[in-house]
Every structure is written in structure tokens, then in C-alpha cells.
Amino acid sequence: MKRKLGVIVFFVSCLFIFFGNLKALDSSNIKFNQQKIDFGKVKQGDMLTHSFKFENTGNSLLIIGQIKTSCGCTAALASKKRLEPGENGSLKITFNTRGYRGNVSKYIYVYSNDPEEPRTMLTITANVEVPPGPEIRIEKTSTDVGLLLKGEDIRSEITLINTGERELEVEFSHRNAKFFHQGKELKKLLKIAPGKQKKAEVNIGTSDKYGPVREYILLKTNDPLKPNLSFHIQGYIVTKEQLRKLFEKYKHLIRNS
């Protein structure tokens, strides 16, 4: 009995092996000629392109499904998504180096009906060189001006630092704000030498506003990495009557302090 059982197990195992090999013989297989490309040294802002070649080395139809990239700066487009056995295709990769510096690696994931490798990872690398230029740094990107009286202007300061090697130029924009530097109104760009810092004063008329206020100052610069920045100002505007009530309510705290 044990002998018969052993024969049956052996026979079933052989069948599994046979059909497994048969299935392997009748399957698609994606094979890339290379899975990594190194662009070496490139200039920041360069648009890099490369075509990865691949072939269906299997015995059945190869179907390319999703193609995903590790970031929005990289795009991938397949020449075709259905390949017969022995047919070749290509995957065009485009990488925008703007905003990057130093050694950078990006990844592309190709999904297919290859049973052995349903997801293939491709890699592109580059050493992005940045030419000398201005680099802006804002001491703080937001401020709370606290409590304001109705009709009172919002006043704040923005401290700008140029950590780059070239002169920094900053233009300020707001629908009804005025900008000053050292008491003089800015009519043009604020220019900051390398390694230096300057303060810009902001004056925003509140007119008849009251309640919470949120203002956004737009900064346009010649920093290639940060051409647009914003500075946020928030506070709360009260009327004289509201201020009087607040004082009456909390005057004991003020006196005790």
C-alpha cells in the first residue's frame, strides 16, 4: 500500500513538473539590453533623454502594463505595449534636471505579463553641476503680527540672505502693499550682494477689514532653483469697541502682571 502511494505521489509530482515546464515554455519574457544608464556630468537645466531597448524573448505575446517613474521630473514612453515573440521595442526616458544638483538617481518601473519578472526596474543617474549663481534664503517664511486695530496698516519685515556667488535680485508683489528698504520705497528690484543680507519692510493697508487676516507676498528672484517664493503674514483686526471690551474683560490680568 505504501509502495502504491509512493508511486502515485511520484507520478503527480512529475505531472506538476511537466506542466510547469510546459507553461514556462509558453510564456512571455521581457529582456532589456541594459537596465541602467549613467549620463555622467551634466549642466543643471539640461533635458536628458535615453531609449532603453527591450525584446520579447518568450514564446507568447508580451503585454506592457503600467510604467511608473519615481518623480514627476521623469517621463517614460514605450514605443509599443504588445510584442509578439522575438519582437523588439524601446522605452524612451526623459529627465528634466532643473532644480537638481549633485549625484541624482531616478527609477522607472515597467510592469508586464512576464511571469518571472512582472516588474522591471530601470535606473538613470547623473551628476548635475550647478554654475555659480545667486541663492536666496529667507530668515523666516511667515510671521504673525498679532492684534491690530481696524484701519491700522499691517507692518512686517522680510530678511533676505544671498548665500550664492552672484548678485541676487528680488522683486516683491502684492495687490495693495508697499515695500521699503531702509525707509525708502522700493520702486525696482532689491539687489543683494553675495554673502550679504537685507531687510525689506512691508506695509499693507487694511482699509475697513476686521477679523482674521492672511496676506501672501510673492517674491520673484533670479535664483534658478527658487524663482518664486512666498511670505505669509497673519494677524487679527479688531474694532475700537472690540478692543475696549477685551480690555475690560482682561484688565485684571494686565494689572496683576
Protein backbone atom coordinates (compact mmCIF):
# COMPACT_ATOMS: atom_id res chain seq x y z
CA MET A 1 0.00 0.00 0.00
CA LYS A 2 2.80 2.36 0.94
CA ARG A 3 4.56 1.46 -2.29
CA LYS A 4 1.47 2.32 -4.38
CA LEU A 5 1.08 5.61 -2.51
CA GLY A 6 4.72 6.48 -3.21
CA VAL A 7 4.23 5.73 -6.93
CA ILE A 8 1.14 7.97 -7.03
CA VAL A 9 2.98 10.85 -5.29
CA PHE A 10 5.91 10.46 -7.70
CA PHE A 11 3.56 10.43 -10.70
CA VAL A 12 1.70 13.57 -9.52
CA SER A 13 4.99 15.36 -8.87
CA CYS A 14 6.14 14.54 -12.39
CA LEU A 15 2.90 15.95 -13.78
CA PHE A 16 3.39 19.21 -11.85
CA ILE A 17 6.95 19.47 -13.14
CA PHE A 18 5.87 18.67 -16.69
CA PHE A 19 3.06 21.21 -16.81
CA GLY A 20 5.23 23.79 -15.05
CA ASN A 21 7.93 23.40 -17.69
CA LEU A 22 5.27 23.45 -20.41
CA LYS A 23 3.89 26.72 -19.03
CA ALA A 24 7.39 28.17 -18.83
CA LEU A 25 7.97 27.24 -22.48
CA ASP A 26 4.76 29.03 -23.44
CA SER A 27 5.21 32.40 -21.68
CA SER A 28 6.33 35.92 -22.44
CA ASN A 29 9.70 37.25 -21.33
CA ILE A 30 10.89 40.87 -21.32
CA LYS A 31 14.62 41.39 -21.70
CA PHE A 32 16.28 44.82 -21.74
CA ASN A 33 19.66 45.34 -23.38
CA GLN A 34 20.57 47.42 -20.30
CA GLN A 35 18.78 48.40 -17.12
CA LYS A 36 20.93 51.34 -16.05
CA ILE A 37 22.30 54.43 -17.78
CA ASP A 38 24.71 56.95 -16.26
CA PHE A 39 24.69 60.33 -18.01
CA GLY A 40 27.81 61.43 -16.11
CA LYS A 41 28.33 65.16 -15.60
CA VAL A 42 25.54 67.37 -16.93
CA LYS A 43 24.54 71.00 -16.55
CA GLN A 44 21.58 71.93 -14.39
CA GLY A 45 18.59 72.57 -16.62
CA ASP A 46 19.64 70.00 -19.25
CA MET A 47 16.87 67.76 -20.59
CA LEU A 48 18.29 64.23 -20.68
CA THR A 49 16.86 61.53 -22.93
CA HIS A 50 17.66 57.86 -23.46
CA SER A 51 15.95 54.89 -25.10
CA PHE A 52 16.12 51.53 -23.32
CA LYS A 53 15.82 48.71 -25.88
CA PHE A 54 13.97 45.51 -24.99
CA GLU A 55 12.83 42.28 -26.63
CA ASN A 56 10.21 39.63 -26.05
CA THR A 57 12.41 36.56 -25.73
CA GLY A 58 9.49 34.35 -24.72
CA ASN A 59 7.10 32.23 -26.81
CA SER A 60 3.86 34.15 -26.26
CA LEU A 61 2.53 37.68 -26.52
CA LEU A 62 4.28 40.19 -24.22
CA ILE A 63 1.99 42.87 -22.81
CA ILE A 64 3.41 46.02 -21.22
CA GLY A 65 1.13 47.33 -18.49
CA GLN A 66 1.84 50.31 -16.28
CA ILE A 67 5.05 52.34 -16.49
CA LYS A 68 5.77 54.31 -13.33
CA THR A 69 8.53 56.79 -12.53
CA SER A 70 9.94 57.81 -9.15
CA CYS A 71 9.16 61.50 -9.69
CA GLY A 72 7.31 63.91 -11.96
CA CYS A 73 10.63 65.16 -13.39
CA THR A 74 11.00 61.87 -15.30
CA ALA A 75 8.77 60.71 -18.14
CA ALA A 76 8.71 57.30 -19.87
CA LEU A 77 7.01 56.28 -23.11
CA ALA A 78 7.02 52.81 -24.68
CA SER A 79 7.17 52.50 -28.49
CA LYS A 80 4.65 49.66 -28.26
CA LYS A 81 2.91 47.74 -25.49
CA ARG A 82 2.14 44.44 -27.21
CA LEU A 83 5.03 42.46 -28.65
CA GLU A 84 4.99 39.09 -30.39
CA PRO A 85 7.77 36.57 -29.63
CA GLY A 86 11.08 37.85 -30.96
CA GLU A 87 9.75 41.37 -31.46
CA ASN A 88 11.73 44.41 -30.25
CA GLY A 89 10.62 47.66 -28.64
CA SER A 90 12.03 50.70 -26.90
CA LEU A 91 11.25 52.80 -23.84
CA LYS A 92 12.12 56.49 -24.17
CA ILE A 93 13.09 58.20 -20.91
CA THR A 94 13.19 61.98 -20.41
CA PHE A 95 14.67 63.54 -17.27
CA ASN A 96 14.48 67.28 -16.55
CA THR A 97 17.46 68.23 -14.37
CA ARG A 98 16.09 71.65 -13.41
CA GLY A 99 16.14 72.07 -9.63
CA TYR A 100 18.63 69.23 -9.05
CA ARG A 101 22.26 69.28 -8.06
CA GLY A 102 24.96 66.71 -7.31
CA ASN A 103 24.53 62.97 -7.78
CA VAL A 104 20.94 62.11 -8.68
CA SER A 105 19.27 58.74 -9.27
CA LYS A 106 15.80 58.21 -10.73
CA TYR A 107 13.89 54.96 -11.21
CA ILE A 108 11.44 53.67 -13.81
CA TYR A 109 9.26 50.64 -13.11
CA VAL A 110 7.95 48.61 -16.06
CA TYR A 111 5.08 46.19 -15.37
CA SER A 112 4.39 43.35 -17.81
CA ASN A 113 2.90 39.86 -18.06
CA ASP A 114 6.35 38.28 -17.77
CA PRO A 115 5.68 35.60 -15.09
CA GLU A 116 9.32 35.52 -13.99
CA GLU A 117 9.79 39.29 -13.71
CA PRO A 118 6.44 41.11 -13.63
CA ARG A 119 8.17 44.34 -12.57
CA THR A 120 11.44 45.50 -14.10
CA MET A 121 13.33 48.41 -12.58
CA LEU A 122 15.40 50.74 -14.75
CA THR A 123 17.79 53.31 -13.29
CA ILE A 124 19.12 56.60 -14.61
CA THR A 125 21.87 58.51 -12.82
CA ALA A 126 23.59 61.83 -13.41
CA ASN A 127 25.94 64.25 -11.70
CA VAL A 128 24.20 67.60 -12.05
CA GLU A 129 26.60 70.54 -11.99
CA VAL A 130 25.28 73.94 -10.95
CA PRO A 131 27.03 77.03 -12.35
CA PRO A 132 27.80 79.90 -9.95
CA GLY A 133 24.69 81.94 -9.27
CA PRO A 134 22.59 83.64 -6.61
CA GLU A 135 20.95 81.58 -3.88
CA ILE A 136 18.15 83.06 -1.81
CA ARG A 137 17.39 82.20 1.79
CA ILE A 138 14.59 83.79 3.80
CA GLU A 139 15.20 84.02 7.55
CA LYS A 140 11.56 83.05 8.11
CA THR A 141 8.77 82.47 5.60
CA SER A 142 5.85 83.61 7.77
CA THR A 143 5.02 85.96 10.63
CA ASP A 144 2.14 86.69 12.99
CA VAL A 145 1.63 90.40 13.58
CA GLY A 146 -0.85 89.73 16.39
CA LEU A 147 -3.70 92.09 17.22
CA LEU A 148 -4.32 95.14 15.03
CA LEU A 149 -6.78 97.99 15.33
CA LYS A 150 -9.21 98.50 12.46
CA GLY A 151 -7.73 100.95 9.95
CA GLU A 152 -4.17 100.27 11.13
CA ASP A 153 -1.69 99.16 8.47
CA ILE A 154 -0.04 95.76 8.63
CA ARG A 155 3.70 96.21 9.03
CA SER A 156 6.28 93.47 8.83
CA GLU A 157 9.85 92.75 7.74
CA ILE A 158 11.35 90.14 5.45
CA THR A 159 15.03 89.29 5.95
CA LEU A 160 16.64 88.07 2.73
CA ILE A 161 20.07 86.41 2.57
CA ASN A 162 22.13 85.71 -0.55
CA THR A 163 24.16 82.54 0.08
CA GLY A 164 25.22 82.27 -3.58
CA GLU A 165 28.16 83.55 -5.60
CA ARG A 166 26.36 86.09 -7.80
CA GLU A 167 24.21 89.13 -7.09
CA LEU A 168 20.65 88.30 -6.02
CA GLU A 169 17.70 90.25 -7.41
CA VAL A 170 14.31 90.16 -5.69
CA GLU A 171 11.02 91.65 -6.88
CA PHE A 172 8.06 91.89 -4.48
CA SER A 173 4.43 91.60 -5.50
CA HIS A 174 1.15 92.18 -3.66
CA ARG A 175 -2.13 93.75 -4.78
CA ASN A 176 -2.05 96.68 -2.33
CA ALA A 177 1.23 96.58 -0.40
CA LYS A 178 4.16 98.97 -0.44
CA PHE A 179 7.73 97.81 0.08
CA PHE A 180 10.62 99.73 1.63
CA HIS A 181 14.31 99.28 2.30
CA GLN A 182 15.95 101.46 4.94
CA GLY A 183 12.94 103.77 4.90
CA LYS A 184 12.97 104.32 1.13
CA GLU A 185 10.19 102.88 -1.01
CA LEU A 186 11.32 100.16 -3.40
CA LYS A 187 10.40 101.05 -6.95
CA LYS A 188 12.51 98.37 -8.60
CA LEU A 189 14.39 95.24 -7.63
CA LEU A 190 16.10 94.78 -4.30
CA LYS A 191 19.67 93.73 -5.06
CA ILE A 192 21.77 91.77 -2.56
CA ALA A 193 25.49 91.05 -2.98
CA PRO A 194 26.87 87.53 -2.42
CA GLY A 195 27.15 86.67 1.27
CA LYS A 196 25.08 89.69 2.32
CA GLN A 197 21.58 90.18 3.68
CA LYS A 198 18.96 92.93 3.52
CA LYS A 199 15.64 93.64 5.15
CA ALA A 200 12.54 94.62 3.21
CA GLU A 201 9.77 96.38 5.09
CA VAL A 202 6.18 95.58 4.12
CA ASN A 203 3.28 97.97 4.59
CA ILE A 204 -0.23 96.70 3.76
CA GLY A 205 -3.29 98.91 4.09
CA THR A 206 -6.20 97.13 5.80
CA SER A 207 -8.91 99.69 4.93
CA ASP A 208 -12.18 98.51 6.52
CA LYS A 209 -11.13 94.94 7.15
CA TYR A 210 -11.65 93.27 10.50
CA GLY A 211 -11.38 89.76 11.86
CA PRO A 212 -8.62 87.32 10.87
CA VAL A 213 -6.34 88.40 8.03
CA ARG A 214 -3.95 86.38 5.91
CA GLU A 215 -1.73 88.03 3.35
CA TYR A 216 0.72 86.46 0.90
CA ILE A 217 3.70 88.33 -0.51
CA LEU A 218 5.08 86.89 -3.75
CA LEU A 219 8.83 87.09 -4.28
CA LYS A 220 10.28 86.70 -7.79
CA THR A 221 14.02 86.10 -7.89
CA ASN A 222 16.87 85.33 -10.28
CA ASP A 223 17.78 82.26 -8.21
CA PRO A 224 17.41 79.42 -10.77
CA LEU A 225 16.36 76.97 -8.05
CA LYS A 226 13.85 79.28 -6.37
CA PRO A 227 12.43 81.67 -8.94
CA ASN A 228 9.20 82.08 -6.94
CA LEU A 229 8.75 82.20 -3.17
CA SER A 230 6.03 83.43 -0.84
CA PHE A 231 5.98 85.13 2.54
CA HIS A 232 2.88 84.70 4.70
CA ILE A 233 1.53 87.30 7.12
CA GLN A 234 -1.32 86.68 9.52
CA GLY A 235 -2.99 88.61 12.30
CA TYR A 236 -6.34 89.66 13.72
CA ILE A 237 -8.01 93.05 13.27
CA VAL A 238 -10.46 94.37 15.89
CA THR A 239 -12.60 97.49 16.13
CA LYS A 240 -12.16 100.05 18.89
CA GLU A 241 -15.30 98.72 20.56
CA GLN A 242 -14.00 95.15 20.46
CA LEU A 243 -10.68 96.33 21.85
CA ARG A 244 -12.45 98.18 24.68
CA LYS A 245 -14.42 95.05 25.60
CA LEU A 246 -11.28 92.93 25.56
CA PHE A 247 -9.53 95.42 27.83
CA GLU A 248 -12.44 95.46 30.26
CA LYS A 249 -12.58 91.67 30.29
CA TYR A 250 -8.87 91.12 30.90
CA LYS A 251 -7.75 94.31 32.68
CA HIS A 252 -7.37 92.44 35.98
CA LEU A 253 -4.83 90.19 34.35
CA ILE A 254 -2.95 93.19 32.99
CA ARG A 255 -2.87 94.88 36.39
CA ASN A 256 -1.77 91.72 38.19
CA SER A 257 1.08 91.21 35.76
